[in-house]
Amino acid sequence: MLTVDQYEYIRIAHRVYGKKIREITRETGHSRNTVKKVLKNEYMGYSTRQNQPFPSLGPYLGTIANWLVNDKDNPKKQRHTGTRIYNRLKNEKGYQGSISTVLRYVRIARQKIGVSARQVFIPLDPPVGQEAEVDWGRCTAILGGLKTVLKFLCIRSKFSGKHFVRCYPCERQQVLFDAHIQAFHILVVFSLF
């Protein structure tokens, strides 16, 4: 397998210095087919790291682990944040590295220890046109030059999150039915429900 340096040498020799494939094969000892493949494609030998080393945190890993383990028993609001750990390392232990390294390590360490495991939730997925939230409100409007207090009914579709608001002079059952009829007509016609 070719190294990145060999790829670079072949590509520069051909593109920059105008060397022919035969000349490159003599210099490098690789076959013509290999040189042709290198000239056609980018380097494909890259691989992702399985674990990220933290060399600047080496002497401080035990300290951070102790702080995080001790935080397991503390209430959530009293636990160390990544920034707090960085500040303590810098002020108390003389840490010279960056905050991003500390934050990245703390996030990984918390997952391993199980301190900040995210809670599982079930997403709300209501059927189209079947569920809505309804609430009454009050507003002031100027009608015929007079300030008038009106009641409004707000209906929010759980599927799309779109709102329908309509004002009425009072809160009665007939008004509730009328608002529902109007809302379903508008929201269904415009496919917002």
N, C-alpha and C. Protein backbone atom coordinates (compact mmCIF):
# COMPACT_ATOMS: atom_id res chain seq x y z
N MET A 1 0.84 -1.19 0.00
CA MET A 1 0.00 0.00 0.00
C MET A 1 0.89 1.25 0.00
N LEU A 2 0.49 2.22 -0.75
CA LEU A 2 1.26 3.46 -0.86
C LEU A 2 1.00 4.37 0.33
N THR A 3 2.02 5.13 0.70
CA THR A 3 1.85 6.11 1.76
C THR A 3 1.39 7.43 1.14
N VAL A 4 1.01 8.36 1.98
CA VAL A 4 0.58 9.67 1.52
C VAL A 4 1.73 10.39 0.82
N ASP A 5 2.95 10.23 1.34
CA ASP A 5 4.12 10.87 0.72
C ASP A 5 4.36 10.34 -0.69
N GLN A 6 4.19 9.04 -0.87
CA GLN A 6 4.37 8.47 -2.21
C GLN A 6 3.31 8.99 -3.17
N TYR A 7 2.06 9.06 -2.71
CA TYR A 7 1.00 9.64 -3.54
C TYR A 7 1.37 11.05 -3.96
N GLU A 8 1.80 11.82 -2.98
CA GLU A 8 2.14 13.22 -3.25
C GLU A 8 3.29 13.33 -4.25
N TYR A 9 4.30 12.49 -4.08
CA TYR A 9 5.46 12.53 -4.98
C TYR A 9 5.04 12.22 -6.42
N ILE A 10 4.24 11.17 -6.59
CA ILE A 10 3.81 10.77 -7.93
C ILE A 10 2.98 11.88 -8.58
N ARG A 11 2.05 12.43 -7.85
CA ARG A 11 1.16 13.44 -8.41
C ARG A 11 1.93 14.73 -8.75
N ILE A 12 2.84 15.15 -7.90
CA ILE A 12 3.62 16.37 -8.17
C ILE A 12 4.57 16.14 -9.33
N ALA A 13 5.21 14.96 -9.37
CA ALA A 13 6.14 14.67 -10.46
C ALA A 13 5.44 14.74 -11.81
N HIS A 14 4.22 14.25 -11.85
CA HIS A 14 3.49 14.23 -13.12
C HIS A 14 2.89 15.60 -13.46
N ARG A 15 2.22 16.22 -12.51
CA ARG A 15 1.47 17.45 -12.79
C ARG A 15 2.34 18.69 -12.79
N VAL A 16 3.29 18.77 -11.89
CA VAL A 16 4.11 19.98 -11.79
C VAL A 16 5.34 19.91 -12.70
N TYR A 17 6.05 18.79 -12.61
CA TYR A 17 7.29 18.67 -13.36
C TYR A 17 7.12 18.00 -14.72
N GLY A 18 5.91 17.55 -15.05
CA GLY A 18 5.62 17.01 -16.37
C GLY A 18 6.30 15.69 -16.69
N LYS A 19 6.63 14.92 -15.67
CA LYS A 19 7.27 13.63 -15.92
C LYS A 19 6.25 12.64 -16.47
N LYS A 20 6.72 11.76 -17.34
CA LYS A 20 5.86 10.74 -17.93
C LYS A 20 5.70 9.58 -16.95
N ILE A 21 4.66 8.79 -17.17
CA ILE A 21 4.35 7.66 -16.30
C ILE A 21 5.52 6.68 -16.26
N ARG A 22 6.14 6.41 -17.43
CA ARG A 22 7.27 5.47 -17.49
C ARG A 22 8.44 5.96 -16.64
N GLU A 23 8.70 7.26 -16.66
CA GLU A 23 9.80 7.81 -15.88
C GLU A 23 9.52 7.71 -14.38
N ILE A 24 8.27 7.95 -14.00
CA ILE A 24 7.88 7.85 -12.57
C ILE A 24 7.99 6.41 -12.09
N THR A 25 7.60 5.44 -12.95
CA THR A 25 7.70 4.04 -12.54
C THR A 25 9.15 3.63 -12.30
N ARG A 26 10.07 4.14 -13.13
CA ARG A 26 11.49 3.84 -12.94
C ARG A 26 12.00 4.44 -11.63
N GLU A 27 11.57 5.67 -11.30
CA GLU A 27 12.05 6.35 -10.09
C GLU A 27 11.49 5.72 -8.82
N THR A 28 10.20 5.37 -8.85
CA THR A 28 9.54 4.90 -7.63
C THR A 28 9.57 3.39 -7.47
N GLY A 29 9.64 2.67 -8.57
CA GLY A 29 9.61 1.21 -8.48
C GLY A 29 8.21 0.64 -8.46
N HIS A 30 7.22 1.47 -8.66
CA HIS A 30 5.83 1.01 -8.69
C HIS A 30 5.45 0.69 -10.13
N SER A 31 4.43 -0.16 -10.29
CA SER A 31 3.99 -0.54 -11.64
C SER A 31 3.28 0.63 -12.31
N ARG A 32 3.14 0.52 -13.62
CA ARG A 32 2.44 1.57 -14.37
C ARG A 32 0.99 1.69 -13.93
N ASN A 33 0.34 0.54 -13.71
CA ASN A 33 -1.07 0.57 -13.28
C ASN A 33 -1.23 1.31 -11.96
N THR A 34 -0.29 1.09 -11.04
CA THR A 34 -0.36 1.78 -9.74
C THR A 34 -0.20 3.29 -9.94
N VAL A 35 0.74 3.69 -10.77
CA VAL A 35 0.94 5.12 -11.01
C VAL A 35 -0.28 5.73 -11.68
N LYS A 36 -0.90 5.01 -12.62
CA LYS A 36 -2.11 5.51 -13.28
C LYS A 36 -3.25 5.67 -12.29
N LYS A 37 -3.42 4.71 -11.38
CA LYS A 37 -4.48 4.81 -10.36
C LYS A 37 -4.25 6.03 -9.47
N VAL A 38 -2.99 6.26 -9.11
CA VAL A 38 -2.67 7.41 -8.25
C VAL A 38 -3.02 8.71 -8.97
N LEU A 39 -2.75 8.77 -10.25
CA LEU A 39 -3.01 10.01 -10.99
C LEU A 39 -4.51 10.22 -11.22
N LYS A 40 -5.30 9.16 -11.22
CA LYS A 40 -6.75 9.29 -11.43
C LYS A 40 -7.49 9.70 -10.15
N ASN A 41 -7.08 9.15 -9.02
CA ASN A 41 -7.86 9.30 -7.79
C ASN A 41 -7.08 10.00 -6.70
N GLU A 42 -7.83 10.48 -5.73
CA GLU A 42 -7.23 11.03 -4.52
C GLU A 42 -6.81 9.87 -3.61
N TYR A 43 -6.04 10.19 -2.61
CA TYR A 43 -5.58 9.17 -1.66
C TYR A 43 -6.77 8.64 -0.88
N MET A 44 -6.93 7.31 -0.84
CA MET A 44 -8.07 6.68 -0.18
C MET A 44 -7.69 5.92 1.08
N GLY A 45 -6.46 6.03 1.51
CA GLY A 45 -6.02 5.24 2.65
C GLY A 45 -6.29 5.86 4.01
N TYR A 46 -7.05 6.94 4.05
CA TYR A 46 -7.33 7.58 5.33
C TYR A 46 -8.28 6.71 6.14
N SER A 47 -8.12 6.72 7.45
CA SER A 47 -9.05 6.01 8.32
C SER A 47 -9.31 6.88 9.55
N THR A 48 -10.49 6.72 10.10
CA THR A 48 -10.84 7.52 11.27
C THR A 48 -10.24 6.88 12.52
N ARG A 49 -9.91 7.71 13.48
CA ARG A 49 -9.34 7.21 14.73
C ARG A 49 -10.41 6.52 15.54
N GLN A 50 -10.02 5.46 16.21
CA GLN A 50 -10.96 4.76 17.08
C GLN A 50 -11.06 5.45 18.44
N ASN A 51 -9.97 6.04 18.90
CA ASN A 51 -10.02 6.83 20.13
C ASN A 51 -9.13 8.04 19.98
N GLN A 52 -9.54 9.12 20.59
CA GLN A 52 -8.81 10.38 20.50
C GLN A 52 -7.90 10.51 21.71
N PRO A 53 -6.59 10.61 21.52
CA PRO A 53 -5.71 10.79 22.67
C PRO A 53 -5.81 12.21 23.23
N PHE A 54 -5.51 12.34 24.50
CA PHE A 54 -5.52 13.64 25.16
C PHE A 54 -4.17 13.85 25.85
N PRO A 55 -3.11 14.11 25.07
CA PRO A 55 -1.77 14.18 25.66
C PRO A 55 -1.61 15.32 26.66
N SER A 56 -2.23 16.46 26.41
CA SER A 56 -2.05 17.58 27.34
C SER A 56 -2.79 17.36 28.65
N LEU A 57 -3.77 16.47 28.65
CA LEU A 57 -4.53 16.19 29.87
C LEU A 57 -3.96 15.03 30.66
N GLY A 58 -2.93 14.37 30.15
CA GLY A 58 -2.38 13.16 30.78
C GLY A 58 -2.25 13.22 32.29
N PRO A 59 -1.53 14.21 32.84
CA PRO A 59 -1.34 14.25 34.29
C PRO A 59 -2.62 14.60 35.07
N TYR A 60 -3.64 15.08 34.39
CA TYR A 60 -4.83 15.57 35.07
C TYR A 60 -6.03 14.61 34.96
N LEU A 61 -5.88 13.51 34.24
CA LEU A 61 -7.01 12.61 34.00
C LEU A 61 -7.57 12.03 35.31
N GLY A 62 -6.70 11.68 36.23
CA GLY A 62 -7.15 11.14 37.52
C GLY A 62 -7.94 12.17 38.31
N THR A 63 -7.48 13.41 38.30
CA THR A 63 -8.17 14.48 39.01
C THR A 63 -9.56 14.70 38.44
N ILE A 64 -9.64 14.77 37.12
CA ILE A 64 -10.94 14.97 36.47
C ILE A 64 -11.87 13.81 36.78
N ALA A 65 -11.35 12.58 36.72
CA ALA A 65 -12.17 11.40 37.01
C ALA A 65 -12.70 11.44 38.44
N ASN A 66 -11.87 11.85 39.39
CA ASN A 66 -12.33 11.96 40.79
C ASN A 66 -13.45 12.98 40.92
N TRP A 67 -13.28 14.13 40.29
CA TRP A 67 -14.31 15.17 40.37
C TRP A 67 -15.63 14.66 39.78
N LEU A 68 -15.56 13.98 38.65
CA LEU A 68 -16.78 13.50 38.00
C LEU A 68 -17.44 12.38 38.80
N VAL A 69 -16.65 11.48 39.37
CA VAL A 69 -17.22 10.40 40.19
C VAL A 69 -17.86 10.97 41.44
N ASN A 70 -17.23 11.96 42.06
CA ASN A 70 -17.82 12.59 43.24
C ASN A 70 -19.10 13.35 42.89
N ASP A 71 -19.20 13.81 41.64
CA ASP A 71 -20.39 14.54 41.20
C ASP A 71 -21.62 13.64 41.07
N LYS A 72 -21.41 12.33 40.98
CA LYS A 72 -22.55 11.43 40.80
C LYS A 72 -23.56 11.56 41.93
N ASP A 73 -23.06 11.79 43.15
CA ASP A 73 -23.93 11.88 44.33
C ASP A 73 -24.52 13.27 44.53
N ASN A 74 -23.96 14.27 43.86
CA ASN A 74 -24.44 15.64 44.03
C ASN A 74 -25.69 15.89 43.20
N PRO A 75 -26.52 16.84 43.62
CA PRO A 75 -27.66 17.24 42.77
C PRO A 75 -27.14 17.82 41.45
N LYS A 76 -27.99 17.77 40.44
CA LYS A 76 -27.57 18.17 39.09
C LYS A 76 -27.02 19.59 39.04
N LYS A 77 -27.61 20.52 39.78
CA LYS A 77 -27.18 21.91 39.75
C LYS A 77 -25.82 22.13 40.42
N GLN A 78 -25.38 21.15 41.22
CA GLN A 78 -24.12 21.32 41.95
C GLN A 78 -22.96 20.54 41.32
N ARG A 79 -23.20 19.93 40.18
CA ARG A 79 -22.14 19.16 39.51
C ARG A 79 -21.21 20.09 38.74
N HIS A 80 -20.01 19.60 38.50
CA HIS A 80 -19.02 20.36 37.73
C HIS A 80 -19.44 20.44 36.27
N THR A 81 -19.36 21.61 35.70
CA THR A 81 -19.51 21.75 34.26
C THR A 81 -18.13 21.62 33.63
N GLY A 82 -18.09 21.46 32.33
CA GLY A 82 -16.80 21.37 31.64
C GLY A 82 -15.98 22.63 31.84
N THR A 83 -16.64 23.78 31.79
CA THR A 83 -15.94 25.05 31.97
C THR A 83 -15.40 25.18 33.40
N ARG A 84 -16.18 24.72 34.37
CA ARG A 84 -15.73 24.78 35.76
C ARG A 84 -14.52 23.88 35.97
N ILE A 85 -14.53 22.70 35.36
CA ILE A 85 -13.38 21.80 35.46
C ILE A 85 -12.15 22.45 34.84
N TYR A 86 -12.33 23.08 33.68
CA TYR A 86 -11.20 23.77 33.03
C TYR A 86 -10.63 24.87 33.94
N ASN A 87 -11.52 25.69 34.52
CA ASN A 87 -11.07 26.78 35.38
C ASN A 87 -10.34 26.24 36.62
N ARG A 88 -10.85 25.16 37.20
CA ARG A 88 -10.18 24.59 38.37
C ARG A 88 -8.82 24.01 38.00
N LEU A 89 -8.75 23.33 36.86
CA LEU A 89 -7.46 22.79 36.42
C LEU A 89 -6.44 23.91 36.20
N LYS A 90 -6.90 24.98 35.58
CA LYS A 90 -6.00 26.10 35.27
C LYS A 90 -5.53 26.80 36.55
N ASN A 91 -6.48 27.07 37.47
CA ASN A 91 -6.16 27.83 38.68
C ASN A 91 -5.49 26.98 39.76
N GLU A 92 -5.95 25.76 39.96
CA GLU A 92 -5.45 24.94 41.06
C GLU A 92 -4.28 24.05 40.67
N LYS A 93 -4.28 23.56 39.42
CA LYS A 93 -3.27 22.57 39.02
C LYS A 93 -2.27 23.10 38.01
N GLY A 94 -2.46 24.31 37.48
CA GLY A 94 -1.51 24.90 36.54
C GLY A 94 -1.63 24.35 35.12
N TYR A 95 -2.80 23.93 34.74
CA TYR A 95 -3.03 23.37 33.39
C TYR A 95 -2.82 24.47 32.34
N GLN A 96 -2.09 24.14 31.26
CA GLN A 96 -1.77 25.12 30.22
C GLN A 96 -2.51 24.86 28.91
N GLY A 97 -3.28 23.79 28.81
CA GLY A 97 -3.95 23.43 27.55
C GLY A 97 -5.18 24.27 27.28
N SER A 98 -5.91 23.88 26.22
CA SER A 98 -7.08 24.66 25.80
C SER A 98 -8.36 24.13 26.44
N ILE A 99 -9.36 24.97 26.45
CA ILE A 99 -10.65 24.60 27.03
C ILE A 99 -11.37 23.57 26.15
N SER A 100 -11.17 23.62 24.84
CA SER A 100 -11.88 22.68 23.96
C SER A 100 -11.44 21.24 24.24
N THR A 101 -10.18 21.03 24.57
CA THR A 101 -9.70 19.69 24.91
C THR A 101 -10.38 19.19 26.18
N VAL A 102 -10.47 20.04 27.16
CA VAL A 102 -11.10 19.67 28.43
C VAL A 102 -12.58 19.36 28.21
N LEU A 103 -13.28 20.21 27.47
CA LEU A 103 -14.71 19.99 27.24
C LEU A 103 -14.96 18.69 26.50
N ARG A 104 -14.13 18.40 25.50
CA ARG A 104 -14.30 17.16 24.74
C ARG A 104 -14.05 15.94 25.63
N TYR A 105 -13.00 16.00 26.44
CA TYR A 105 -12.71 14.87 27.33
C TYR A 105 -13.80 14.69 28.38
N VAL A 106 -14.28 15.78 28.96
CA VAL A 106 -15.32 15.69 30.00
C VAL A 106 -16.58 15.06 29.43
N ARG A 107 -16.94 15.44 28.21
CA ARG A 107 -18.13 14.86 27.58
C ARG A 107 -17.99 13.34 27.43
N ILE A 108 -16.82 12.89 26.97
CA ILE A 108 -16.59 11.45 26.79
C ILE A 108 -16.54 10.74 28.14
N ALA A 109 -15.86 11.34 29.11
CA ALA A 109 -15.73 10.73 30.43
C ALA A 109 -17.08 10.61 31.13
N ARG A 110 -17.93 11.60 30.99
CA ARG A 110 -19.26 11.54 31.61
C ARG A 110 -20.09 10.40 31.02
N GLN A 111 -19.98 10.19 29.72
CA GLN A 111 -20.71 9.09 29.10
C GLN A 111 -20.23 7.75 29.62
N LYS A 112 -18.92 7.61 29.80
CA LYS A 112 -18.37 6.35 30.31
C LYS A 112 -18.79 6.10 31.75
N ILE A 113 -18.76 7.16 32.56
CA ILE A 113 -19.12 7.02 33.98
C ILE A 113 -20.63 6.91 34.14
N GLY A 114 -21.38 7.51 33.25
CA GLY A 114 -22.83 7.48 33.34
C GLY A 114 -23.40 8.62 34.15
N VAL A 115 -22.67 9.73 34.25
CA VAL A 115 -23.13 10.87 35.05
C VAL A 115 -24.22 11.64 34.33
N SER A 116 -24.03 11.93 33.06
CA SER A 116 -24.99 12.79 32.36
C SER A 116 -25.66 12.04 31.22
N ALA A 117 -26.16 10.86 31.51
CA ALA A 117 -26.85 10.10 30.46
C ALA A 117 -28.14 10.82 30.11
N ARG A 118 -28.35 11.02 28.84
CA ARG A 118 -29.56 11.71 28.39
C ARG A 118 -30.77 10.81 28.62
N GLN A 119 -31.87 11.44 28.98
CA GLN A 119 -33.11 10.71 29.19
C GLN A 119 -33.76 10.38 27.86
N VAL A 120 -34.33 9.22 27.78
CA VAL A 120 -35.02 8.81 26.56
C VAL A 120 -36.38 9.47 26.52
N PHE A 121 -36.82 9.87 25.35
CA PHE A 121 -38.14 10.44 25.21
C PHE A 121 -38.81 9.83 23.99
N ILE A 122 -40.12 9.88 24.01
CA ILE A 122 -40.91 9.38 22.89
C ILE A 122 -41.44 10.60 22.15
N PRO A 123 -41.09 10.75 20.88
CA PRO A 123 -41.57 11.92 20.15
C PRO A 123 -43.08 11.87 19.93
N LEU A 124 -43.69 13.04 20.00
CA LEU A 124 -45.11 13.15 19.76
C LEU A 124 -45.36 13.14 18.26
N ASP A 125 -46.15 12.20 17.80
CA ASP A 125 -46.42 12.06 16.37
C ASP A 125 -47.93 11.91 16.18
N PRO A 126 -48.68 13.01 16.31
CA PRO A 126 -50.14 12.91 16.21
C PRO A 126 -50.58 12.70 14.77
N PRO A 127 -51.72 12.04 14.60
CA PRO A 127 -52.24 11.87 13.24
C PRO A 127 -52.76 13.20 12.68
N VAL A 128 -52.77 13.31 11.36
CA VAL A 128 -53.18 14.53 10.69
C VAL A 128 -54.66 14.81 10.97
N GLY A 129 -54.95 16.02 11.44
CA GLY A 129 -56.32 16.46 11.62
C GLY A 129 -57.06 15.84 12.79
N GLN A 130 -56.37 15.18 13.69
CA GLN A 130 -57.05 14.49 14.79
C GLN A 130 -56.89 15.19 16.14
N GLU A 131 -55.82 15.93 16.33
CA GLU A 131 -55.57 16.54 17.63
C GLU A 131 -55.22 18.01 17.49
N ALA A 132 -55.69 18.80 18.47
CA ALA A 132 -55.38 20.22 18.49
C ALA A 132 -55.43 20.70 19.93
N GLU A 133 -54.76 21.81 20.20
CA GLU A 133 -54.80 22.46 21.50
C GLU A 133 -55.66 23.71 21.36
N VAL A 134 -56.54 23.92 22.33
CA VAL A 134 -57.48 25.04 22.26
C VAL A 134 -57.38 25.84 23.55
N ASP A 135 -57.41 27.18 23.42
CA ASP A 135 -57.38 28.02 24.61
C ASP A 135 -58.07 29.35 24.31
N TRP A 136 -58.70 29.90 25.36
CA TRP A 136 -59.35 31.21 25.25
C TRP A 136 -58.38 32.28 25.68
N GLY A 137 -58.55 33.48 25.13
CA GLY A 137 -57.75 34.63 25.54
C GLY A 137 -58.58 35.90 25.45
N ARG A 138 -57.97 37.00 25.88
CA ARG A 138 -58.67 38.28 25.87
C ARG A 138 -57.83 39.31 25.16
N CYS A 139 -58.48 40.16 24.37
CA CYS A 139 -57.77 41.22 23.68
C CYS A 139 -58.65 42.46 23.64
N THR A 140 -58.03 43.58 23.31
CA THR A 140 -58.74 44.84 23.18
C THR A 140 -58.66 45.29 21.73
N ALA A 141 -59.81 45.66 21.18
CA ALA A 141 -59.85 46.12 19.80
C ALA A 141 -60.64 47.43 19.75
N ILE A 142 -60.38 48.23 18.73
CA ILE A 142 -61.13 49.47 18.54
C ILE A 142 -62.15 49.20 17.45
N LEU A 143 -63.44 49.18 17.84
CA LEU A 143 -64.54 48.93 16.92
C LEU A 143 -65.44 50.16 16.90
N GLY A 144 -65.57 50.78 15.76
CA GLY A 144 -66.41 51.98 15.64
C GLY A 144 -65.89 53.12 16.49
N GLY A 145 -64.59 53.19 16.72
CA GLY A 145 -64.00 54.28 17.50
C GLY A 145 -64.01 54.03 18.99
N LEU A 146 -64.56 52.89 19.45
CA LEU A 146 -64.62 52.58 20.88
C LEU A 146 -63.71 51.39 21.20
N LYS A 147 -63.06 51.47 22.37
CA LYS A 147 -62.27 50.33 22.82
C LYS A 147 -63.22 49.25 23.30
N THR A 148 -63.06 48.05 22.75
CA THR A 148 -63.94 46.94 23.10
C THR A 148 -63.10 45.74 23.51
N VAL A 149 -63.51 45.10 24.61
CA VAL A 149 -62.82 43.88 25.05
C VAL A 149 -63.46 42.71 24.33
N LEU A 150 -62.62 41.92 23.65
CA LEU A 150 -63.11 40.75 22.92
C LEU A 150 -62.45 39.49 23.47
N LYS A 151 -63.13 38.38 23.29
CA LYS A 151 -62.58 37.07 23.62
C LYS A 151 -62.08 36.44 22.33
N PHE A 152 -60.95 35.79 22.37
CA PHE A 152 -60.50 35.08 21.17
C PHE A 152 -60.22 33.63 21.52
N LEU A 153 -60.42 32.80 20.54
CA LEU A 153 -60.16 31.38 20.69
C LEU A 153 -58.98 31.03 19.79
N CYS A 154 -57.96 30.45 20.37
CA CYS A 154 -56.75 30.06 19.64
C CYS A 154 -56.73 28.54 19.54
N ILE A 155 -56.66 28.04 18.32
CA ILE A 155 -56.58 26.59 18.09
C ILE A 155 -55.25 26.33 17.40
N ARG A 156 -54.47 25.43 17.97
CA ARG A 156 -53.15 25.08 17.42
C ARG A 156 -53.15 23.61 17.05
N SER A 157 -52.87 23.33 15.78
CA SER A 157 -52.79 21.95 15.31
C SER A 157 -51.55 21.28 15.89
N LYS A 158 -51.73 20.10 16.46
CA LYS A 158 -50.58 19.37 17.00
C LYS A 158 -49.72 18.80 15.87
N PHE A 159 -50.30 18.55 14.72
CA PHE A 159 -49.54 17.97 13.61
C PHE A 159 -48.60 19.00 12.99
N SER A 160 -49.14 20.16 12.62
CA SER A 160 -48.32 21.14 11.91
C SER A 160 -47.82 22.27 12.80
N GLY A 161 -48.46 22.48 13.95
CA GLY A 161 -48.06 23.59 14.81
C GLY A 161 -48.63 24.93 14.37
N LYS A 162 -49.49 24.94 13.35
CA LYS A 162 -50.07 26.19 12.85
C LYS A 162 -51.20 26.63 13.77
N HIS A 163 -51.37 27.96 13.87
CA HIS A 163 -52.39 28.55 14.75
C HIS A 163 -53.56 29.07 13.94
N PHE A 164 -54.72 29.03 14.58
CA PHE A 164 -55.91 29.67 14.04
C PHE A 164 -56.50 30.48 15.19
N VAL A 165 -56.67 31.78 14.99
CA VAL A 165 -57.19 32.66 16.04
C VAL A 165 -58.39 33.40 15.49
N ARG A 166 -59.47 33.44 16.29
CA ARG A 166 -60.68 34.14 15.86
C ARG A 166 -61.29 34.83 17.07
N CYS A 167 -61.71 36.09 16.89
CA CYS A 167 -62.28 36.88 17.99
C CYS A 167 -63.80 36.77 18.02
N TYR A 168 -64.35 36.82 19.25
CA TYR A 168 -65.80 36.76 19.47
C TYR A 168 -66.15 37.72 20.60
N PRO A 169 -67.43 38.12 20.67
CA PRO A 169 -67.81 39.04 21.74
C PRO A 169 -67.95 38.37 23.11
N CYS A 170 -68.08 37.02 23.14
CA CYS A 170 -68.28 36.33 24.42
C CYS A 170 -67.74 34.90 24.32
N GLU A 171 -67.72 34.23 25.49
CA GLU A 171 -67.31 32.83 25.52
C GLU A 171 -68.56 31.98 25.74
N ARG A 172 -69.02 31.30 24.71
CA ARG A 172 -70.19 30.43 24.83
C ARG A 172 -69.95 29.16 24.03
N GLN A 173 -70.79 28.17 24.25
CA GLN A 173 -70.63 26.90 23.57
C GLN A 173 -70.82 27.06 22.06
N GLN A 174 -71.75 27.91 21.64
CA GLN A 174 -71.96 28.12 20.21
C GLN A 174 -70.70 28.71 19.56
N VAL A 175 -70.04 29.62 20.27
CA VAL A 175 -68.82 30.24 19.78
C VAL A 175 -67.73 29.18 19.64
N LEU A 176 -67.63 28.29 20.62
CA LEU A 176 -66.64 27.22 20.58
C LEU A 176 -66.85 26.34 19.35
N PHE A 177 -68.11 25.96 19.08
CA PHE A 177 -68.40 25.12 17.92
C PHE A 177 -68.10 25.86 16.61
N ASP A 178 -68.49 27.13 16.55
CA ASP A 178 -68.24 27.91 15.34
C ASP A 178 -66.73 28.05 15.07
N ALA A 179 -65.95 28.30 16.12
CA ALA A 179 -64.50 28.44 15.96
C ALA A 179 -63.88 27.12 15.47
N HIS A 180 -64.37 26.00 16.00
CA HIS A 180 -63.85 24.71 15.54
C HIS A 180 -64.18 24.47 14.07
N ILE A 181 -65.39 24.77 13.68
CA ILE A 181 -65.78 24.58 12.28
C ILE A 181 -64.92 25.45 11.37
N GLN A 182 -64.75 26.72 11.73
CA GLN A 182 -63.94 27.63 10.92
C GLN A 182 -62.47 27.18 10.86
N ALA A 183 -61.96 26.74 12.01
CA ALA A 183 -60.56 26.32 12.06
C ALA A 183 -60.33 25.08 11.20
N PHE A 184 -61.21 24.10 11.31
CA PHE A 184 -61.04 22.90 10.50
C PHE A 184 -61.16 23.22 9.02
N HIS A 185 -62.05 24.12 8.68
CA HIS A 185 -62.20 24.49 7.27
C HIS A 185 -60.92 25.15 6.74
N ILE A 186 -60.41 26.13 7.48
CA ILE A 186 -59.21 26.85 7.04
C ILE A 186 -57.99 25.93 7.04
N LEU A 187 -57.78 25.19 8.13
CA LEU A 187 -56.58 24.39 8.25
C LEU A 187 -56.57 23.20 7.28
N VAL A 188 -57.74 22.61 7.03
CA VAL A 188 -57.80 21.48 6.11
C VAL A 188 -57.69 21.96 4.67
N VAL A 189 -58.36 23.06 4.33
CA VAL A 189 -58.33 23.56 2.97
C VAL A 189 -56.91 23.93 2.58
N PHE A 190 -56.18 24.53 3.49
CA PHE A 190 -54.81 24.94 3.19
C PHE A 190 -53.79 23.87 3.60
N SER A 191 -54.25 22.69 3.93
CA SER A 191 -53.40 21.54 4.32
C SER A 191 -52.43 21.90 5.44
N LEU A 192 -52.88 22.67 6.37
CA LEU A 192 -52.04 23.04 7.51
C LEU A 192 -52.29 22.17 8.71
N PHE A 193 -53.35 21.41 8.67
CA PHE A 193 -53.68 20.60 9.83
C PHE A 193 -52.86 19.36 9.77
